[in-house]
Amino acid sequence: MTMPAVRPEATCITEQGRTKLSTATSETDRLLDVTEAAMMLGTFNESGVRYPRRLIAERRIEFVKLGSKVRIPESAIRDHIKNNTVRPIRLANMGEAA
């Protein structure tokens, strides 16, 4: 499925405020609707589109506003997953076991 061309006046809402889409995402970055974002996040079966919509409402993820439509760049989903991944602690870093 090919995505339609993005309108040049589209803006991306980030923590720093509105920026032009061309500076916020790459030219090849897919824009996902909230259903696709929920599927990529793995939350669709449990909560439908509530989780990505909450991320948008709380401004915790980048999103693009195209008229009344909201789209999330695929790279923003990948970044969100990466930034919220908790790495295991090695036992050597914890000291001696009791």
PDB file of N, CA and C in Angstrom:
ATOM      1  N   MET A   1       0.840  -1.167   0.000  1.00  0.00           N
ATOM      2  CA  MET A   1       0.000   0.000   0.000  1.00  0.00           C
ATOM      3  C   MET A   1       0.890   1.236   0.000  1.00  0.00           C
ATOM      4  N   THR A   2       0.728   2.089  -0.951  1.00  0.00           N
ATOM      5  CA  THR A   2       1.510   3.319  -0.984  1.00  0.00           C
ATOM      6  C   THR A   2       0.715   4.434  -0.332  1.00  0.00           C
ATOM      7  N   MET A   3       1.431   5.245   0.412  1.00  0.00           N
ATOM      8  CA  MET A   3       0.798   6.361   1.102  1.00  0.00           C
ATOM      9  C   MET A   3       0.690   7.539   0.138  1.00  0.00           C
ATOM     10  N   PRO A   4      -0.386   8.288   0.205  1.00  0.00           N
ATOM     11  CA  PRO A   4      -0.497   9.471  -0.646  1.00  0.00           C
ATOM     12  C   PRO A   4       0.531  10.513  -0.234  1.00  0.00           C
ATOM     13  N   ALA A   5       0.849  11.392  -1.153  1.00  0.00           N
ATOM     14  CA  ALA A   5       1.824  12.447  -0.863  1.00  0.00           C
ATOM     15  C   ALA A   5       1.309  13.341   0.257  1.00  0.00           C
ATOM     16  N   VAL A   6       2.214  13.749   1.120  1.00  0.00           N
ATOM     17  CA  VAL A   6       1.853  14.608   2.245  1.00  0.00           C
ATOM     18  C   VAL A   6       1.788  16.047   1.768  1.00  0.00           C
ATOM     19  N   ARG A   7       0.769  16.757   2.192  1.00  0.00           N
ATOM     20  CA  ARG A   7       0.634  18.165   1.825  1.00  0.00           C
ATOM     21  C   ARG A   7       1.790  18.969   2.409  1.00  0.00           C
ATOM     22  N   PRO A   8       2.340  19.923   1.666  1.00  0.00           N
ATOM     23  CA  PRO A   8       3.476  20.685   2.164  1.00  0.00           C
ATOM     24  C   PRO A   8       3.172  21.520   3.395  1.00  0.00           C
ATOM     25  N   GLU A   9       1.901  21.879   3.623  1.00  0.00           N
ATOM     26  CA  GLU A   9       1.594  22.723   4.771  1.00  0.00           C
ATOM     27  C   GLU A   9       1.395  21.920   6.057  1.00  0.00           C
ATOM     28  N   ALA A  10       1.571  20.599   5.992  1.00  0.00           N
ATOM     29  CA  ALA A  10       1.402  19.767   7.177  1.00  0.00           C
ATOM     30  C   ALA A  10       2.461  20.112   8.216  1.00  0.00           C
ATOM     31  N   THR A  11       2.053  20.066   9.473  1.00  0.00           N
ATOM     32  CA  THR A  11       2.990  20.331  10.556  1.00  0.00           C
ATOM     33  C   THR A  11       3.009  19.147  11.495  1.00  0.00           C
ATOM     34  N   CYS A  12       4.062  19.038  12.245  1.00  0.00           N
ATOM     35  CA  CYS A  12       4.215  17.968  13.215  1.00  0.00           C
ATOM     36  C   CYS A  12       4.234  18.601  14.600  1.00  0.00           C
ATOM     37  N   ILE A  13       3.456  18.041  15.526  1.00  0.00           N
ATOM     38  CA  ILE A  13       3.410  18.557  16.886  1.00  0.00           C
ATOM     39  C   ILE A  13       4.419  17.765  17.713  1.00  0.00           C
ATOM     40  N   THR A  14       5.386  18.443  18.297  1.00  0.00           N
ATOM     41  CA  THR A  14       6.390  17.800  19.140  1.00  0.00           C
ATOM     42  C   THR A  14       6.402  18.494  20.491  1.00  0.00           C
ATOM     43  N   GLU A  15       7.247  18.005  21.407  1.00  0.00           N
ATOM     44  CA  GLU A  15       7.363  18.645  22.713  1.00  0.00           C
ATOM     45  C   GLU A  15       7.853  20.079  22.576  1.00  0.00           C
ATOM     46  N   GLN A  16       8.613  20.366  21.522  1.00  0.00           N
ATOM     47  CA  GLN A  16       9.141  21.708  21.309  1.00  0.00           C
ATOM     48  C   GLN A  16       8.127  22.615  20.613  1.00  0.00           C
ATOM     49  N   GLY A  17       7.005  22.089  20.194  1.00  0.00           N
ATOM     50  CA  GLY A  17       5.988  22.879  19.505  1.00  0.00           C
ATOM     51  C   GLY A  17       5.813  22.420  18.075  1.00  0.00           C
ATOM     52  N   ARG A  18       5.152  23.235  17.282  1.00  0.00           N
ATOM     53  CA  ARG A  18       4.888  22.883  15.886  1.00  0.00           C
ATOM     54  C   ARG A  18       6.142  23.082  15.045  1.00  0.00           C
ATOM     55  N   THR A  19       6.417  22.120  14.190  1.00  0.00           N
ATOM     56  CA  THR A  19       7.510  22.244  13.237  1.00  0.00           C
ATOM     57  C   THR A  19       7.005  21.789  11.887  1.00  0.00           C
ATOM     58  N   LYS A  20       7.679  22.185  10.847  1.00  0.00           N
ATOM     59  CA  LYS A  20       7.320  21.728   9.508  1.00  0.00           C
ATOM     60  C   LYS A  20       7.563  20.232   9.429  1.00  0.00           C
ATOM     61  N   LEU A  21       6.707  19.528   8.734  1.00  0.00           N
ATOM     62  CA  LEU A  21       6.815  18.080   8.619  1.00  0.00           C
ATOM     63  C   LEU A  21       8.147  17.669   8.027  1.00  0.00           C
ATOM     64  N   SER A  22       8.656  18.423   7.075  1.00  0.00           N
ATOM     65  CA  SER A  22       9.909  18.041   6.421  1.00  0.00           C
ATOM     66  C   SER A  22      11.072  18.015   7.399  1.00  0.00           C
ATOM     67  N   THR A  23      11.022  18.804   8.480  1.00  0.00           N
ATOM     68  CA  THR A  23      12.093  18.768   9.469  1.00  0.00           C
ATOM     69  C   THR A  23      11.808  17.762  10.568  1.00  0.00           C
ATOM     70  N   ALA A  24      10.566  17.321  10.697  1.00  0.00           N
ATOM     71  CA  ALA A  24      10.206  16.420  11.780  1.00  0.00           C
ATOM     72  C   ALA A  24      10.370  14.956  11.401  1.00  0.00           C
ATOM     73  N   THR A  25      10.096  14.601  10.164  1.00  0.00           N
ATOM     74  CA  THR A  25      10.185  13.213   9.736  1.00  0.00           C
ATOM     75  C   THR A  25      10.886  13.153   8.389  1.00  0.00           C
ATOM     76  N   SER A  26      11.381  11.982   8.096  1.00  0.00           N
ATOM     77  CA  SER A  26      12.054  11.833   6.806  1.00  0.00           C
ATOM     78  C   SER A  26      11.024  11.686   5.697  1.00  0.00           C
ATOM     79  N   GLU A  27      11.479  11.863   4.481  1.00  0.00           N
ATOM     80  CA  GLU A  27      10.583  11.765   3.320  1.00  0.00           C
ATOM     81  C   GLU A  27       9.981  10.369   3.182  1.00  0.00           C
ATOM     82  N   THR A  28      10.694   9.326   3.630  1.00  0.00           N
ATOM     83  CA  THR A  28      10.235   7.958   3.446  1.00  0.00           C
ATOM     84  C   THR A  28       9.509   7.411   4.670  1.00  0.00           C
ATOM     85  N   ASP A  29       9.376   8.198   5.721  1.00  0.00           N
ATOM     86  CA  ASP A  29       8.723   7.748   6.944  1.00  0.00           C
ATOM     87  C   ASP A  29       7.221   7.612   6.713  1.00  0.00           C
ATOM     88  N   ARG A  30       6.682   6.428   6.972  1.00  0.00           N
ATOM     89  CA  ARG A  30       5.241   6.208   6.812  1.00  0.00           C
ATOM     90  C   ARG A  30       4.476   6.908   7.916  1.00  0.00           C
ATOM     91  N   LEU A  31       3.332   7.458   7.577  1.00  0.00           N
ATOM     92  CA  LEU A  31       2.439   8.044   8.564  1.00  0.00           C
ATOM     93  C   LEU A  31       1.341   7.032   8.858  1.00  0.00           C
ATOM     94  N   LEU A  32       1.214   6.645  10.115  1.00  0.00           N
ATOM     95  CA  LEU A  32       0.267   5.617  10.526  1.00  0.00           C
ATOM     96  C   LEU A  32      -0.963   6.253  11.151  1.00  0.00           C
ATOM     97  N   ASP A  33      -2.131   5.649  10.898  1.00  0.00           N
ATOM     98  CA  ASP A  33      -3.308   6.094  11.635  1.00  0.00           C
ATOM     99  C   ASP A  33      -3.254   5.450  13.021  1.00  0.00           C
ATOM    100  N   VAL A  34      -4.176   5.814  13.910  1.00  0.00           N
ATOM    101  CA  VAL A  34      -4.084   5.328  15.288  1.00  0.00           C
ATOM    102  C   VAL A  34      -4.276   3.812  15.386  1.00  0.00           C
ATOM    103  N   THR A  35      -5.040   3.219  14.483  1.00  0.00           N
ATOM    104  CA  THR A  35      -5.210   1.764  14.490  1.00  0.00           C
ATOM    105  C   THR A  35      -3.898   1.073  14.147  1.00  0.00           C
ATOM    106  N   GLU A  36      -3.222   1.543  13.097  1.00  0.00           N
ATOM    107  CA  GLU A  36      -1.927   0.967  12.723  1.00  0.00           C
ATOM    108  C   GLU A  36      -0.902   1.182  13.827  1.00  0.00           C
ATOM    109  N   ALA A  37      -0.939   2.347  14.471  1.00  0.00           N
ATOM    110  CA  ALA A  37      -0.012   2.628  15.570  1.00  0.00           C
ATOM    111  C   ALA A  37      -0.260   1.677  16.738  1.00  0.00           C
ATOM    112  N   ALA A  38      -1.532   1.435  17.069  1.00  0.00           N
ATOM    113  CA  ALA A  38      -1.871   0.513  18.157  1.00  0.00           C
ATOM    114  C   ALA A  38      -1.411  -0.899  17.833  1.00  0.00           C
ATOM    115  N   MET A  39      -1.543  -1.303  16.568  1.00  0.00           N
ATOM    116  CA  MET A  39      -1.082  -2.633  16.165  1.00  0.00           C
ATOM    117  C   MET A  39       0.437  -2.736  16.288  1.00  0.00           C
ATOM    118  N   MET A  40       1.144  -1.694  15.879  1.00  0.00           N
ATOM    119  CA  MET A  40       2.603  -1.699  15.964  1.00  0.00           C
ATOM    120  C   MET A  40       3.067  -1.697  17.425  1.00  0.00           C
ATOM    121  N   LEU A  41       2.324  -1.009  18.294  1.00  0.00           N
ATOM    122  CA  LEU A  41       2.655  -0.973  19.718  1.00  0.00           C
ATOM    123  C   LEU A  41       2.248  -2.261  20.435  1.00  0.00           C
ATOM    124  N   GLY A  42       1.403  -3.057  19.804  1.00  0.00           N
ATOM    125  CA  GLY A  42       0.956  -4.306  20.408  1.00  0.00           C
ATOM    126  C   GLY A  42      -0.161  -4.121  21.422  1.00  0.00           C
ATOM    127  N   THR A  43      -0.879  -3.012  21.355  1.00  0.00           N
ATOM    128  CA  THR A  43      -1.942  -2.735  22.323  1.00  0.00           C
ATOM    129  C   THR A  43      -3.336  -2.835  21.728  1.00  0.00           C
ATOM    130  N   PHE A  44      -3.442  -3.096  20.438  1.00  0.00           N
ATOM    131  CA  PHE A  44      -4.746  -3.057  19.769  1.00  0.00           C
ATOM    132  C   PHE A  44      -5.709  -4.101  20.321  1.00  0.00           C
ATOM    133  N   ASN A  45      -5.244  -5.334  20.560  1.00  0.00           N
ATOM    134  CA  ASN A  45      -6.140  -6.396  21.026  1.00  0.00           C
ATOM    135  C   ASN A  45      -6.687  -6.119  22.420  1.00  0.00           C
ATOM    136  N   GLU A  46      -5.895  -5.472  23.276  1.00  0.00           N
ATOM    137  CA  GLU A  46      -6.326  -5.213  24.645  1.00  0.00           C
ATOM    138  C   GLU A  46      -7.158  -3.939  24.769  1.00  0.00           C
ATOM    139  N   SER A  47      -6.715  -2.867  24.117  1.00  0.00           N
ATOM    140  CA  SER A  47      -7.364  -1.575  24.364  1.00  0.00           C
ATOM    141  C   SER A  47      -7.751  -0.819  23.102  1.00  0.00           C
ATOM    142  N   GLY A  48      -7.675  -1.462  21.958  1.00  0.00           N
ATOM    143  CA  GLY A  48      -8.034  -0.769  20.722  1.00  0.00           C
ATOM    144  C   GLY A  48      -7.087   0.388  20.456  1.00  0.00           C
ATOM    145  N   VAL A  49      -7.632   1.550  20.170  1.00  0.00           N
ATOM    146  CA  VAL A  49      -6.805   2.713  19.829  1.00  0.00           C
ATOM    147  C   VAL A  49      -6.617   3.662  21.014  1.00  0.00           C
ATOM    148  N   ARG A  50      -7.045   3.262  22.210  1.00  0.00           N
ATOM    149  CA  ARG A  50      -6.955   4.163  23.366  1.00  0.00           C
ATOM    150  C   ARG A  50      -5.526   4.567  23.697  1.00  0.00           C
ATOM    151  N   TYR A  51      -4.585   3.609  23.678  1.00  0.00           N
ATOM    152  CA  TYR A  51      -3.213   3.935  24.082  1.00  0.00           C
ATOM    153  C   TYR A  51      -2.559   4.957  23.153  1.00  0.00           C
ATOM    154  N   PRO A  52      -2.562   4.759  21.826  1.00  0.00           N
ATOM    155  CA  PRO A  52      -1.961   5.797  20.983  1.00  0.00           C
ATOM    156  C   PRO A  52      -2.699   7.140  21.075  1.00  0.00           C
ATOM    157  N   ARG A  53      -4.008   7.116  21.248  1.00  0.00           N
ATOM    158  CA  ARG A  53      -4.749   8.373  21.407  1.00  0.00           C
ATOM    159  C   ARG A  53      -4.356   9.074  22.710  1.00  0.00           C
ATOM    160  N   ARG A  54      -4.116   8.288  23.763  1.00  0.00           N
ATOM    161  CA  ARG A  54      -3.667   8.885  25.027  1.00  0.00           C
ATOM    162  C   ARG A  54      -2.277   9.488  24.884  1.00  0.00           C
ATOM    163  N   LEU A  55      -1.381   8.784  24.171  1.00  0.00           N
ATOM    164  CA  LEU A  55      -0.043   9.323  23.921  1.00  0.00           C
ATOM    165  C   LEU A  55      -0.129  10.663  23.197  1.00  0.00           C
ATOM    166  N   ILE A  56      -1.038  10.759  22.248  1.00  0.00           N
ATOM    167  CA  ILE A  56      -1.232  12.006  21.500  1.00  0.00           C
ATOM    168  C   ILE A  56      -1.800  13.085  22.420  1.00  0.00           C
ATOM    169  N   ALA A  57      -2.834  12.752  23.180  1.00  0.00           N
ATOM    170  CA  ALA A  57      -3.480  13.735  24.057  1.00  0.00           C
ATOM    171  C   ALA A  57      -2.513  14.282  25.101  1.00  0.00           C
ATOM    172  N   GLU A  58      -1.621  13.418  25.600  1.00  0.00           N
ATOM    173  CA  GLU A  58      -0.646  13.829  26.613  1.00  0.00           C
ATOM    174  C   GLU A  58       0.626  14.399  26.000  1.00  0.00           C
ATOM    175  N   ARG A  59       0.664  14.499  24.666  1.00  0.00           N
ATOM    176  CA  ARG A  59       1.829  15.026  23.930  1.00  0.00           C
ATOM    177  C   ARG A  59       3.102  14.247  24.271  1.00  0.00           C
ATOM    178  N   ARG A  60       2.965  12.919  24.413  1.00  0.00           N
ATOM    179  CA  ARG A  60       4.105  12.067  24.728  1.00  0.00           C
ATOM    180  C   ARG A  60       4.721  11.446  23.485  1.00  0.00           C
ATOM    181  N   ILE A  61       4.131  11.711  22.318  1.00  0.00           N
ATOM    182  CA  ILE A  61       4.641  11.154  21.072  1.00  0.00           C
ATOM    183  C   ILE A  61       4.431  12.194  19.971  1.00  0.00           C
ATOM    184  N   GLU A  62       5.325  12.192  18.991  1.00  0.00           N
ATOM    185  CA  GLU A  62       5.155  13.097  17.852  1.00  0.00           C
ATOM    186  C   GLU A  62       3.948  12.652  17.039  1.00  0.00           C
ATOM    187  N   PHE A  63       3.230  13.618  16.510  1.00  0.00           N
ATOM    188  CA  PHE A  63       2.130  13.286  15.609  1.00  0.00           C
ATOM    189  C   PHE A  63       1.965  14.391  14.592  1.00  0.00           C
ATOM    190  N   VAL A  64       1.278  14.046  13.514  1.00  0.00           N
ATOM    191  CA  VAL A  64       1.059  14.973  12.414  1.00  0.00           C
ATOM    192  C   VAL A  64      -0.434  15.231  12.314  1.00  0.00           C
ATOM    193  N   LYS A  65      -0.802  16.476  12.218  1.00  0.00           N
ATOM    194  CA  LYS A  65      -2.196  16.873  12.070  1.00  0.00           C
ATOM    195  C   LYS A  65      -2.429  17.226  10.613  1.00  0.00           C
ATOM    196  N   LEU A  66      -3.265  16.470   9.919  1.00  0.00           N
ATOM    197  CA  LEU A  66      -3.623  16.733   8.524  1.00  0.00           C
ATOM    198  C   LEU A  66      -5.113  17.040   8.489  1.00  0.00           C
ATOM    199  N   GLY A  67      -5.444  18.306   8.604  1.00  0.00           N
ATOM    200  CA  GLY A  67      -6.851  18.680   8.707  1.00  0.00           C
ATOM    201  C   GLY A  67      -7.404  18.151  10.010  1.00  0.00           C
ATOM    202  N   SER A  68      -8.445  17.332   9.937  1.00  0.00           N
ATOM    203  CA  SER A  68      -9.015  16.737  11.149  1.00  0.00           C
ATOM    204  C   SER A  68      -8.401  15.377  11.464  1.00  0.00           C
ATOM    205  N   LYS A  69      -7.538  14.893  10.599  1.00  0.00           N
ATOM    206  CA  LYS A  69      -6.910  13.581  10.779  1.00  0.00           C
ATOM    207  C   LYS A  69      -5.624  13.704  11.580  1.00  0.00           C
ATOM    208  N   VAL A  70      -5.328  12.675  12.348  1.00  0.00           N
ATOM    209  CA  VAL A  70      -4.086  12.608  13.111  1.00  0.00           C
ATOM    210  C   VAL A  70      -3.310  11.397  12.622  1.00  0.00           C
ATOM    211  N   ARG A  71      -2.045  11.587  12.339  1.00  0.00           N
ATOM    212  CA  ARG A  71      -1.170  10.500  11.906  1.00  0.00           C
ATOM    213  C   ARG A  71       0.090  10.515  12.761  1.00  0.00           C
ATOM    214  N   ILE A  72       0.638   9.328  12.983  1.00  0.00           N
ATOM    215  CA  ILE A  72       1.849   9.185  13.787  1.00  0.00           C
ATOM    216  C   ILE A  72       2.945   8.645  12.887  1.00  0.00           C
ATOM    217  N   PRO A  73       4.091   9.322  12.816  1.00  0.00           N
ATOM    218  CA  PRO A  73       5.194   8.799  12.011  1.00  0.00           C
ATOM    219  C   PRO A  73       5.663   7.454  12.570  1.00  0.00           C
ATOM    220  N   GLU A  74       5.955   6.531  11.672  1.00  0.00           N
ATOM    221  CA  GLU A  74       6.413   5.208  12.089  1.00  0.00           C
ATOM    222  C   GLU A  74       7.663   5.315  12.955  1.00  0.00           C
ATOM    223  N   SER A  75       8.541   6.253  12.636  1.00  0.00           N
ATOM    224  CA  SER A  75       9.766   6.433  13.424  1.00  0.00           C
ATOM    225  C   SER A  75       9.446   6.877  14.851  1.00  0.00           C
ATOM    226  N   ALA A  76       8.357   7.618  15.049  1.00  0.00           N
ATOM    227  CA  ALA A  76       7.972   8.048  16.397  1.00  0.00           C
ATOM    228  C   ALA A  76       7.544   6.852  17.244  1.00  0.00           C
ATOM    229  N   ILE A  77       6.867   5.885  16.614  1.00  0.00           N
ATOM    230  CA  ILE A  77       6.478   4.660  17.325  1.00  0.00           C
ATOM    231  C   ILE A  77       7.727   3.879  17.713  1.00  0.00           C
ATOM    232  N   ARG A  78       8.656   3.724  16.755  1.00  0.00           N
ATOM    233  CA  ARG A  78       9.911   3.011  17.053  1.00  0.00           C
ATOM    234  C   ARG A  78      10.674   3.707  18.178  1.00  0.00           C
ATOM    235  N   ASP A  79      10.746   5.040  18.137  1.00  0.00           N
ATOM    236  CA  ASP A  79      11.438   5.797  19.184  1.00  0.00           C
ATOM    237  C   ASP A  79      10.751   5.618  20.535  1.00  0.00           C
ATOM    238  N   HIS A  80       9.427   5.626  20.544  1.00  0.00           N
ATOM    239  CA  HIS A  80       8.678   5.453  21.793  1.00  0.00           C
ATOM    240  C   HIS A  80       8.973   4.081  22.400  1.00  0.00           C
ATOM    241  N   ILE A  81       8.978   3.056  21.567  1.00  0.00           N
ATOM    242  CA  ILE A  81       9.280   1.707  22.057  1.00  0.00           C
ATOM    243  C   ILE A  81      10.708   1.655  22.587  1.00  0.00           C
ATOM    244  N   LYS A  82      11.653   2.223  21.833  1.00  0.00           N
ATOM    245  CA  LYS A  82      13.059   2.215  22.249  1.00  0.00           C
ATOM    246  C   LYS A  82      13.255   2.975  23.563  1.00  0.00           C
ATOM    247  N   ASN A  83      12.640   4.147  23.687  1.00  0.00           N
ATOM    248  CA  ASN A  83      12.810   4.974  24.883  1.00  0.00           C
ATOM    249  C   ASN A  83      12.127   4.398  26.116  1.00  0.00           C
ATOM    250  N   ASN A  84      11.171   3.506  25.929  1.00  0.00           N
ATOM    251  CA  ASN A  84      10.457   2.917  27.062  1.00  0.00           C
ATOM    252  C   ASN A  84      10.819   1.459  27.297  1.00  0.00           C
ATOM    253  N   THR A  85      11.889   1.003  26.661  1.00  0.00           N
ATOM    254  CA  THR A  85      12.372  -0.355  26.875  1.00  0.00           C
ATOM    255  C   THR A  85      13.270  -0.365  28.101  1.00  0.00           C
ATOM    256  N   VAL A  86      12.984  -1.270  29.030  1.00  0.00           N
ATOM    257  CA  VAL A  86      13.770  -1.394  30.255  1.00  0.00           C
ATOM    258  C   VAL A  86      14.753  -2.538  30.071  1.00  0.00           C
ATOM    259  N   ARG A  87      16.025  -2.224  30.197  1.00  0.00           N
ATOM    260  CA  ARG A  87      17.077  -3.224  30.046  1.00  0.00           C
ATOM    261  C   ARG A  87      17.235  -4.001  31.352  1.00  0.00           C
ATOM    262  N   PRO A  88      17.576  -5.301  31.257  1.00  0.00           N
ATOM    263  CA  PRO A  88      17.782  -6.088  32.476  1.00  0.00           C
ATOM    264  C   PRO A  88      19.041  -5.632  33.215  1.00  0.00           C
ATOM    265  N   ILE A  89      19.023  -5.818  34.519  1.00  0.00           N
ATOM    266  CA  ILE A  89      20.184  -5.487  35.344  1.00  0.00           C
ATOM    267  C   ILE A  89      21.045  -6.733  35.448  1.00  0.00           C
ATOM    268  N   ARG A  90      22.338  -6.560  35.249  1.00  0.00           N
ATOM    269  CA  ARG A  90      23.254  -7.691  35.402  1.00  0.00           C
ATOM    270  C   ARG A  90      23.516  -7.916  36.881  1.00  0.00           C
ATOM    271  N   LEU A  91      23.644  -9.174  37.272  1.00  0.00           N
ATOM    272  CA  LEU A  91      23.902  -9.492  38.672  1.00  0.00           C
ATOM    273  C   LEU A  91      25.227  -8.909  39.140  1.00  0.00           C
ATOM    274  N   ALA A  92      26.209  -8.801  38.250  1.00  0.00           N
ATOM    275  CA  ALA A  92      27.508  -8.242  38.622  1.00  0.00           C
ATOM    276  C   ALA A  92      27.358  -6.788  39.063  1.00  0.00           C
ATOM    277  N   ASN A  93      26.385  -6.086  38.520  1.00  0.00           N
ATOM    278  CA  ASN A  93      26.160  -4.685  38.883  1.00  0.00           C
ATOM    279  C   ASN A  93      25.394  -4.535  40.190  1.00  0.00           C
ATOM    280  N   MET A  94      24.779  -5.603  40.658  1.00  0.00           N
ATOM    281  CA  MET A  94      23.950  -5.525  41.855  1.00  0.00           C
ATOM    282  C   MET A  94      24.736  -5.826  43.126  1.00  0.00           C
ATOM    283  N   GLY A  95      25.958  -6.285  43.026  1.00  0.00           N
ATOM    284  CA  GLY A  95      26.715  -6.670  44.214  1.00  0.00           C
ATOM    285  C   GLY A  95      26.504  -8.140  44.509  1.00  0.00           C
ATOM    286  N   GLU A  96      26.898  -8.561  45.689  1.00  0.00           N
ATOM    287  CA  GLU A  96      26.774  -9.975  46.050  1.00  0.00           C
ATOM    288  C   GLU A  96      25.335 -10.308  46.405  1.00  0.00           C
ATOM    289  N   ALA A  97      24.942 -11.521  46.038  1.00  0.00           N
ATOM    290  CA  ALA A  97      23.600 -11.988  46.367  1.00  0.00           C
ATOM    291  C   ALA A  97      23.543 -12.324  47.849  1.00  0.00           C
ATOM    292  N   ALA A  98      22.400 -12.120  48.453  1.00  0.00           N
ATOM    293  CA  ALA A  98      22.257 -12.373  49.890  1.00  0.00           C
ATOM    294  C   ALA A  98      22.056 -13.839  50.156  1.00  0.00           C
TER     295      ALA A  98
END
